């Protein structure tokens, strides 16, 4: 009985603020009351027609897409190299190094970028490329962890050894065994990377230029204005994050079922 009560209270604690945001996004007026009064859709229409939000939404999608592409191009070979390392010490050291950004606060990374890339020699502060570079640093560990863990779970070294005994080359094993086996974990990792990139605020707030502000940065400024407008903008961001989470969960569940059938 007690675990159910605790779980129910925890879920209520999580859901209540989201529910109030959802209700407020359709409220016509919300001033010093628990619930808004009236019903309207104009807040969503204003968000859709607001130039700053449209520009920020485009910037977030662009940075998220570039971050996913870079994590795929960098992370997949790196994860394969870590998995294929013969020494357990090397694998442990590599794992500690690529997980280091998880423990690094985004503010620390942002201050470092400001110090380095605001100089006359490297005047890149505020560019979309520098913003993407920071998102890659913050999101790459999650992609690597998902892919490396799936490599270990599937026991790819056994499949590769079997293919090698049949005369396949390293590239053939990578493209015909490794990639098809990891398609679900790669998709799950990319979904997590996209969700982290789209929702990232601390680093983006300090590094992004005026024309490259991401959606969460512009969203903060909206809360200084109309409450309904800010609620509608927040609900849009929550829907994107929820879609990414559901997609990642479905992909992981499908990969688990496939692994059980294989074994």
Protein backbone atom coordinates (compact mmCIF):
# COMPACT_ATOMS: atom_id res chain seq x y z
CA UNK A 1 0.00 0.00 0.00
CA UNK A 2 2.71 2.48 0.97
CA UNK A 3 4.71 2.07 -2.30
CA UNK A 4 1.56 2.80 -4.30
CA UNK A 5 0.86 5.94 -2.28
CA UNK A 6 4.44 7.17 -2.69
CA UNK A 7 4.34 6.42 -6.41
CA UNK A 8 1.02 8.20 -6.78
CA UNK A 9 2.28 11.29 -4.95
CA UNK A 10 5.43 11.35 -7.04
CA UNK A 11 3.45 11.09 -10.28
CA UNK A 12 1.13 13.85 -9.12
CA UNK A 13 4.18 15.99 -8.31
CA UNK A 14 5.46 15.47 -11.86
CA UNK A 15 2.18 15.77 -13.74
CA UNK A 16 0.60 18.75 -11.94
CA UNK A 17 2.94 21.50 -13.30
CA UNK A 18 2.67 20.04 -16.82
CA UNK A 19 -1.12 19.90 -16.55
CA UNK A 20 -1.25 23.52 -15.39
CA UNK A 21 0.90 24.58 -18.33
CA UNK A 22 -1.42 22.72 -20.69
CA UNK A 23 -4.50 24.33 -19.16
CA UNK A 24 -2.87 27.75 -19.16
CA UNK A 25 -2.02 27.49 -22.84
CA UNK A 26 -5.75 27.47 -23.62
CA UNK A 27 -6.76 30.04 -21.00
CA UNK A 28 -7.75 33.53 -22.08
CA UNK A 29 -6.68 35.25 -18.85
CA UNK A 30 -4.57 34.01 -15.93
CA UNK A 31 -3.90 36.53 -13.14
CA UNK A 32 -3.27 35.49 -9.52
CA UNK A 33 -5.67 32.55 -9.70
CA UNK A 34 -5.15 28.79 -9.58
CA UNK A 35 -6.73 28.27 -13.00
CA UNK A 36 -7.09 30.60 -15.98
CA UNK A 37 -10.42 31.98 -17.12
CA UNK A 38 -11.89 31.64 -20.59
CA UNK A 39 -10.83 29.48 -23.51
CA UNK A 40 -8.81 30.49 -26.56
CA UNK A 41 -6.46 29.14 -29.21
CA UNK A 42 -4.85 32.47 -29.96
CA UNK A 43 -1.72 31.76 -27.92
CA UNK A 44 -0.74 28.89 -30.21
CA UNK A 45 -1.47 31.04 -33.25
CA UNK A 46 0.69 33.83 -31.85
CA UNK A 47 3.56 31.42 -31.17
CA UNK A 48 3.28 30.06 -34.73
CA UNK A 49 3.38 33.58 -36.22
CA UNK A 50 5.99 35.06 -33.88
CA UNK A 51 9.20 35.69 -35.89
CA UNK A 52 11.55 35.12 -32.95
CA UNK A 53 9.97 31.78 -32.06
CA UNK A 54 9.93 30.64 -35.68
CA UNK A 55 13.60 31.54 -36.01
CA UNK A 56 14.44 29.85 -32.69
CA UNK A 57 12.50 26.73 -33.66
CA UNK A 58 14.41 26.53 -36.93
CA UNK A 59 17.72 27.07 -35.12
CA UNK A 60 16.94 24.30 -32.61
CA UNK A 61 16.05 21.87 -35.39
CA UNK A 62 19.20 22.78 -37.33
CA UNK A 63 21.49 22.42 -34.31
CA UNK A 64 19.75 19.17 -33.31
CA UNK A 65 20.16 17.70 -36.80
CA UNK A 66 23.82 18.70 -37.00
CA UNK A 67 24.44 17.30 -33.52
CA UNK A 68 22.83 13.97 -34.44
CA UNK A 69 24.85 13.75 -37.66
CA UNK A 70 28.10 14.55 -35.87
CA UNK A 71 27.40 12.09 -33.03
CA UNK A 72 26.71 9.39 -35.60
CA UNK A 73 29.86 10.15 -37.60
CA UNK A 74 32.12 10.47 -34.54
CA UNK A 75 30.45 8.24 -32.00
CA UNK A 76 29.93 5.08 -34.04
CA UNK A 77 33.61 4.53 -34.99
CA UNK A 78 34.66 5.60 -31.49
CA UNK A 79 32.24 3.17 -29.85
CA UNK A 80 33.48 0.38 -32.11
CA UNK A 81 37.10 1.18 -31.25
CA UNK A 82 36.34 1.13 -27.51
CA UNK A 83 34.48 -2.16 -27.85
CA UNK A 84 37.31 -3.75 -29.87
CA UNK A 85 40.07 -2.65 -27.48
CA UNK A 86 41.83 -5.73 -26.17
CA UNK A 87 42.97 -4.31 -22.84
CA UNK A 88 40.29 -3.94 -20.12
CA UNK A 89 42.26 -0.98 -18.73
CA UNK A 90 42.08 0.83 -22.06
CA UNK A 91 38.33 0.19 -22.28
CA UNK A 92 37.82 1.44 -18.71
CA UNK A 93 39.92 4.56 -19.35
CA UNK A 94 38.11 5.30 -22.60
CA UNK A 95 34.75 4.85 -20.88
CA UNK A 96 35.76 7.26 -18.11
CA UNK A 97 36.95 9.83 -20.64
CA UNK A 98 33.91 9.82 -22.90
CA UNK A 99 31.56 9.97 -19.89
CA UNK A 100 33.42 12.93 -18.38
CA UNK A 101 31.16 15.59 -20.01
CA UNK A 102 28.19 14.09 -18.15
CA UNK A 103 29.74 15.22 -14.85
CA UNK A 104 30.79 18.57 -16.33
CA UNK A 105 28.18 21.31 -15.76
CA UNK A 106 27.11 22.97 -19.02
CA UNK A 107 27.88 26.36 -17.47
CA UNK A 108 31.54 25.39 -17.06
CA UNK A 109 31.71 24.32 -20.69
CA UNK A 110 30.01 27.55 -21.77
CA UNK A 111 32.47 29.73 -19.81
CA UNK A 112 35.35 27.83 -21.40
CA UNK A 113 33.91 28.39 -24.88
CA UNK A 114 33.43 32.09 -24.13
CA UNK A 115 37.05 32.49 -23.03
CA UNK A 116 38.46 30.65 -26.04
CA UNK A 117 36.17 31.63 -28.90
CA UNK A 118 35.58 35.31 -28.11
CA UNK A 119 39.20 36.23 -28.90
CA UNK A 120 40.44 38.01 -32.02
CA UNK A 121 42.10 34.80 -33.21
CA UNK A 122 38.93 32.68 -32.84
CA UNK A 123 35.93 35.04 -33.12
CA UNK A 124 33.32 32.31 -33.41
CA UNK A 125 31.20 33.04 -30.36
CA UNK A 126 27.52 33.15 -31.29
CA UNK A 127 27.85 31.07 -34.45
CA UNK A 128 25.65 28.07 -35.09
CA UNK A 129 28.74 25.92 -35.60
CA UNK A 130 30.12 26.69 -32.16
CA UNK A 131 26.71 26.09 -30.64
CA UNK A 132 26.57 22.72 -32.38
CA UNK A 133 30.07 21.86 -31.16
CA UNK A 134 29.00 22.40 -27.57
CA UNK A 135 25.89 20.28 -28.02
CA UNK A 136 28.05 17.50 -29.45
CA UNK A 137 30.26 17.55 -26.35
CA UNK A 138 27.22 17.36 -24.08
CA UNK A 139 25.27 14.71 -26.03
CA UNK A 140 27.98 12.40 -27.39
CA UNK A 141 28.48 10.45 -24.10
CA UNK A 142 24.83 9.36 -24.12
CA UNK A 143 25.10 8.10 -27.69
CA UNK A 144 28.33 6.26 -26.94
CA UNK A 145 26.90 4.66 -23.81
CA UNK A 146 23.85 3.36 -25.69
CA UNK A 147 25.87 1.92 -28.56
CA UNK A 148 28.71 0.41 -26.50
CA UNK A 149 26.25 -1.20 -24.08
CA UNK A 150 24.36 -2.77 -26.97
CA UNK A 151 27.59 -4.07 -28.50
CA UNK A 152 28.40 -5.82 -25.24
CA UNK A 153 24.86 -7.16 -24.85
CA UNK A 154 24.76 -8.63 -28.35
CA UNK A 155 28.23 -10.16 -28.11
CA UNK A 156 29.31 -8.83 -31.49
CA UNK A 157 32.83 -10.18 -31.12
CA UNK A 158 31.46 -13.73 -31.49
CA UNK A 159 29.63 -12.83 -34.70
CA UNK A 160 32.68 -11.02 -36.06
CA UNK A 161 34.97 -13.94 -35.30
CA UNK A 162 32.58 -16.26 -37.11
CA UNK A 163 32.49 -13.92 -40.11
CA UNK A 164 36.27 -13.55 -40.05
CA UNK A 165 36.68 -17.32 -40.13
CA UNK A 166 34.64 -17.29 -43.35
CA UNK A 167 37.05 -14.82 -44.95
CA UNK A 168 35.25 -11.47 -44.53
CA UNK A 169 37.29 -8.29 -44.26
CA UNK A 170 37.08 -5.69 -41.50
CA UNK A 171 34.91 -3.34 -43.57
CA UNK A 172 32.59 -6.17 -44.56
CA UNK A 173 32.13 -7.18 -40.93
CA UNK A 174 31.47 -3.57 -39.91
CA UNK A 175 28.88 -2.84 -42.62
CA UNK A 176 27.19 -6.26 -42.79
CA UNK A 177 27.27 -7.35 -39.14
CA UNK A 178 27.94 -4.43 -36.81
CA UNK A 179 25.67 -1.79 -38.35
CA UNK A 180 22.61 -4.04 -38.91
CA UNK A 181 22.90 -5.40 -35.37
CA UNK A 182 23.08 -1.92 -33.85
CA UNK A 183 20.33 -0.22 -35.84
CA UNK A 184 17.93 -0.05 -32.89
CA UNK A 185 20.51 1.21 -30.37
CA UNK A 186 21.77 3.76 -32.91
CA UNK A 187 18.22 5.03 -33.40
CA UNK A 188 17.62 5.16 -29.65
CA UNK A 189 20.90 7.00 -29.10
CA UNK A 190 20.08 9.55 -31.81
CA UNK A 191 16.64 10.16 -30.32
CA UNK A 192 18.23 10.85 -26.93
CA UNK A 193 20.78 13.17 -28.58
CA UNK A 194 18.02 15.07 -30.40
CA UNK A 195 15.98 15.44 -27.20
CA UNK A 196 18.99 16.69 -25.25
CA UNK A 197 19.95 19.14 -27.98
CA UNK A 198 16.47 20.59 -28.45
CA UNK A 199 15.93 21.00 -24.69
CA UNK A 200 19.42 22.26 -23.76
CA UNK A 201 19.34 25.72 -22.15
CA UNK A 202 22.31 26.57 -19.92
CA UNK A 203 25.04 26.28 -22.55
CA UNK A 204 22.90 27.73 -25.35
CA UNK A 205 21.84 30.73 -23.29
CA UNK A 206 25.46 31.88 -22.92
CA UNK A 207 26.95 30.84 -26.25
CA UNK A 208 24.18 31.37 -28.82
CA UNK A 209 24.16 34.63 -30.75
CA UNK A 210 21.05 36.77 -31.23
CA UNK A 211 20.22 35.21 -34.61
CA UNK A 212 20.98 31.67 -33.44
CA UNK A 213 19.06 31.58 -30.17
CA UNK A 214 17.50 28.19 -29.59
CA UNK A 215 13.92 27.54 -28.58
CA UNK A 216 14.48 27.19 -24.81
CA UNK A 217 16.43 30.48 -24.73
CA UNK A 218 13.59 32.40 -26.39
CA UNK A 219 11.09 30.52 -24.24
CA UNK A 220 12.60 31.96 -21.05
CA UNK A 221 12.08 35.48 -22.34
CA UNK A 222 8.44 34.71 -23.13
CA UNK A 223 7.66 34.20 -19.43
CA UNK A 224 8.33 37.88 -18.83
CA UNK A 225 5.35 38.65 -21.06
CA UNK A 226 1.94 37.04 -21.54
CA UNK A 227 1.46 33.91 -19.44
CA UNK A 228 -0.74 32.10 -21.95
CA UNK A 229 1.77 32.74 -24.72
CA UNK A 230 4.60 31.29 -22.60
CA UNK A 231 2.48 28.26 -21.65
CA UNK A 232 1.66 27.53 -25.29
CA UNK A 233 5.32 27.80 -26.26
CA UNK A 234 6.28 25.47 -23.39
CA UNK A 235 3.66 22.90 -24.36
CA UNK A 236 5.12 22.78 -27.87
CA UNK A 237 8.56 22.04 -26.42
CA UNK A 238 7.11 19.40 -24.10
CA UNK A 239 5.34 17.71 -27.01
CA UNK A 240 8.63 17.52 -28.91
CA UNK A 241 10.41 16.06 -25.87
CA UNK A 242 7.57 13.59 -25.25
CA UNK A 243 7.63 12.45 -28.87
CA UNK A 244 11.38 11.85 -28.64
CA UNK A 245 11.00 9.93 -25.37
CA UNK A 246 8.21 7.73 -26.72
CA UNK A 247 10.20 7.07 -29.88
CA UNK A 248 13.26 6.08 -27.88
CA UNK A 249 11.23 3.83 -25.58
CA UNK A 250 9.54 2.07 -28.50
CA UNK A 251 12.87 1.58 -30.25
CA UNK A 252 14.47 0.15 -27.11
CA UNK A 253 11.52 -2.16 -26.52
CA UNK A 254 11.70 -3.42 -30.08
CA UNK A 255 15.45 -4.02 -29.78
CA UNK A 256 14.90 -5.98 -26.54
CA UNK A 257 12.26 -8.18 -28.14
CA UNK A 258 14.51 -8.77 -31.13
CA UNK A 259 17.38 -9.74 -28.82
CA UNK A 260 15.15 -12.19 -26.92
CA UNK A 261 14.02 -13.81 -30.15
CA UNK A 262 17.60 -14.08 -31.34
CA UNK A 263 18.72 -15.78 -28.14
